[in-house]
Amino acid sequence: MPIQVITKKLAPWHRDIADQIKVEMLNQVTEEFAQEVKNELGKLNCPNHPDKISYITIMADRNNTIIIKKKFCCPAFEEKISVKIRR
């Protein structure tokens, strides 16, 4: 099965307009990056385990960073896939 790309968004703090704006922008950047990853890697699948699902989770972080977590069906497939952020 192809790689599944999942996003996890931040929730803004209540009654904090500045945080709401920051979180909205971080979530937008996270969604855009996730779409780029999905376009590049979303159709790949492991030749050894075609029925297994591999996951890439992309999360926004309040420190203005994006966190990437990968869970692949096997170490051999994981070694073939590289996800890097370049800005």
C-alpha atoms as a PDB file:
ATOM      1  CA  MET A   1       0.000   0.000   0.000  1.00  0.00           C
ATOM      2  CA  PRO A   2       1.209   3.539  -0.614  1.00  0.00           C
ATOM      3  CA  ILE A   3       2.694   5.711   2.112  1.00  0.00           C
ATOM      4  CA  GLN A   4       0.044   7.528   4.141  1.00  0.00           C
ATOM      5  CA  VAL A   5       0.857  11.151   5.015  1.00  0.00           C
ATOM      6  CA  ILE A   6      -0.865  12.382   8.182  1.00  0.00           C
ATOM      7  CA  THR A   7      -0.860  15.886   9.663  1.00  0.00           C
ATOM      8  CA  LYS A   8      -1.356  16.855  13.277  1.00  0.00           C
ATOM      9  CA  LYS A   9      -2.293  20.455  13.817  1.00  0.00           C
ATOM     10  CA  LEU A  10      -1.833  22.657  16.840  1.00  0.00           C
ATOM     11  CA  ALA A  11      -4.792  24.009  18.763  1.00  0.00           C
ATOM     12  CA  PRO A  12      -4.594  27.718  19.661  1.00  0.00           C
ATOM     13  CA  TRP A  13      -4.704  28.936  23.213  1.00  0.00           C
ATOM     14  CA  HIS A  14      -8.066  30.458  24.060  1.00  0.00           C
ATOM     15  CA  ARG A  15      -8.366  34.226  24.255  1.00  0.00           C
ATOM     16  CA  ASP A  16      -4.889  34.778  22.828  1.00  0.00           C
ATOM     17  CA  ILE A  17      -5.169  36.456  19.429  1.00  0.00           C
ATOM     18  CA  ALA A  18      -1.403  36.423  18.805  1.00  0.00           C
ATOM     19  CA  ASP A  19      -1.235  32.686  19.459  1.00  0.00           C
ATOM     20  CA  GLN A  20      -4.256  32.061  17.267  1.00  0.00           C
ATOM     21  CA  ILE A  21      -2.549  33.849  14.359  1.00  0.00           C
ATOM     22  CA  LYS A  22       0.744  32.013  14.970  1.00  0.00           C
ATOM     23  CA  VAL A  23      -0.962  28.618  15.202  1.00  0.00           C
ATOM     24  CA  GLU A  24      -2.984  29.265  12.062  1.00  0.00           C
ATOM     25  CA  MET A  25       0.186  30.056  10.115  1.00  0.00           C
ATOM     26  CA  LEU A  26       2.062  27.045  11.547  1.00  0.00           C
ATOM     27  CA  ASN A  27      -0.821  24.748  10.656  1.00  0.00           C
ATOM     28  CA  GLN A  28      -0.937  26.174   7.137  1.00  0.00           C
ATOM     29  CA  VAL A  29       2.800  25.591   6.624  1.00  0.00           C
ATOM     30  CA  THR A  30       2.392  22.061   7.981  1.00  0.00           C
ATOM     31  CA  GLU A  31      -0.454  21.325   5.555  1.00  0.00           C
ATOM     32  CA  GLU A  32       1.511  22.709   2.609  1.00  0.00           C
ATOM     33  CA  PHE A  33       4.579  20.667   3.489  1.00  0.00           C
ATOM     34  CA  ALA A  34       2.467  17.543   3.995  1.00  0.00           C
ATOM     35  CA  GLN A  35       0.970  18.037   0.534  1.00  0.00           C
ATOM     36  CA  GLU A  36       4.473  18.312  -0.958  1.00  0.00           C
ATOM     37  CA  VAL A  37       5.520  15.094   0.810  1.00  0.00           C
ATOM     38  CA  LYS A  38       2.356  13.339  -0.334  1.00  0.00           C
ATOM     39  CA  ASN A  39       2.952  14.425  -3.938  1.00  0.00           C
ATOM     40  CA  GLU A  40       6.551  13.169  -3.860  1.00  0.00           C
ATOM     41  CA  LEU A  41       6.250  10.013  -1.752  1.00  0.00           C
ATOM     42  CA  GLY A  42       2.550   9.166  -1.584  1.00  0.00           C
ATOM     43  CA  LYS A  43       2.631   6.635  -4.400  1.00  0.00           C
ATOM     44  CA  LEU A  44       5.635   4.667  -3.169  1.00  0.00           C
ATOM     45  CA  ASN A  45       5.189   1.288  -1.559  1.00  0.00           C
ATOM     46  CA  CYS A  46       7.488  -1.375  -0.208  1.00  0.00           C
ATOM     47  CA  PRO A  47       8.230  -4.091  -2.762  1.00  0.00           C
ATOM     48  CA  ASN A  48       8.731  -6.619   0.062  1.00  0.00           C
ATOM     49  CA  HIS A  49       5.483  -5.775   1.869  1.00  0.00           C
ATOM     50  CA  PRO A  50       2.989  -4.423  -0.690  1.00  0.00           C
ATOM     51  CA  ASP A  51       0.018  -5.030   1.644  1.00  0.00           C
ATOM     52  CA  LYS A  52       1.477  -3.112   4.618  1.00  0.00           C
ATOM     53  CA  ILE A  53       0.893   0.587   5.223  1.00  0.00           C
ATOM     54  CA  SER A  54       3.756   2.939   6.029  1.00  0.00           C
ATOM     55  CA  TYR A  55       3.117   6.310   7.666  1.00  0.00           C
ATOM     56  CA  ILE A  56       4.718   9.735   7.701  1.00  0.00           C
ATOM     57  CA  THR A  57       3.251  12.052  10.330  1.00  0.00           C
ATOM     58  CA  ILE A  58       3.946  15.763  10.030  1.00  0.00           C
ATOM     59  CA  MET A  59       3.245  17.939  13.056  1.00  0.00           C
ATOM     60  CA  ALA A  60       3.414  21.645  13.737  1.00  0.00           C
ATOM     61  CA  ASP A  61       5.382  22.730  16.789  1.00  0.00           C
ATOM     62  CA  ARG A  62       5.096  25.963  18.779  1.00  0.00           C
ATOM     63  CA  ASN A  63       8.835  26.523  18.341  1.00  0.00           C
ATOM     64  CA  ASN A  64       8.233  27.370  14.662  1.00  0.00           C
ATOM     65  CA  THR A  65       9.404  23.961  13.526  1.00  0.00           C
ATOM     66  CA  ILE A  66       7.883  20.984  11.809  1.00  0.00           C
ATOM     67  CA  ILE A  67       8.298  17.558  13.359  1.00  0.00           C
ATOM     68  CA  ILE A  68       8.401  14.509  11.109  1.00  0.00           C
ATOM     69  CA  LYS A  69       7.767  11.013  12.441  1.00  0.00           C
ATOM     70  CA  LYS A  70       8.031   7.958  10.237  1.00  0.00           C
ATOM     71  CA  LYS A  71       6.675   4.464  10.760  1.00  0.00           C
ATOM     72  CA  PHE A  72       7.523   2.130   7.923  1.00  0.00           C
ATOM     73  CA  CYS A  73       6.751  -1.531   7.402  1.00  0.00           C
ATOM     74  CA  CYS A  74      10.423  -2.513   7.513  1.00  0.00           C
ATOM     75  CA  PRO A  75      13.908  -1.000   8.008  1.00  0.00           C
ATOM     76  CA  ALA A  76      14.875  -1.714   4.390  1.00  0.00           C
ATOM     77  CA  PHE A  77      12.029   0.436   3.046  1.00  0.00           C
ATOM     78  CA  GLU A  78      12.720   3.156   5.617  1.00  0.00           C
ATOM     79  CA  GLU A  79      16.330   3.388   4.434  1.00  0.00           C
ATOM     80  CA  LYS A  80      15.128   4.111   0.906  1.00  0.00           C
ATOM     81  CA  ILE A  81      12.903   7.028   1.972  1.00  0.00           C
ATOM     82  CA  SER A  82      14.315  10.375   3.068  1.00  0.00           C
ATOM     83  CA  VAL A  83      12.247  13.318   4.252  1.00  0.00           C
ATOM     84  CA  LYS A  84      14.151  16.551   4.762  1.00  0.00           C
ATOM     85  CA  ILE A  85      13.013  20.118   5.223  1.00  0.00           C
ATOM     86  CA  ARG A  86      14.911  22.709   3.232  1.00  0.00           C
ATOM     87  CA  ARG A  87      13.947  26.350   3.427  1.00  0.00           C
END
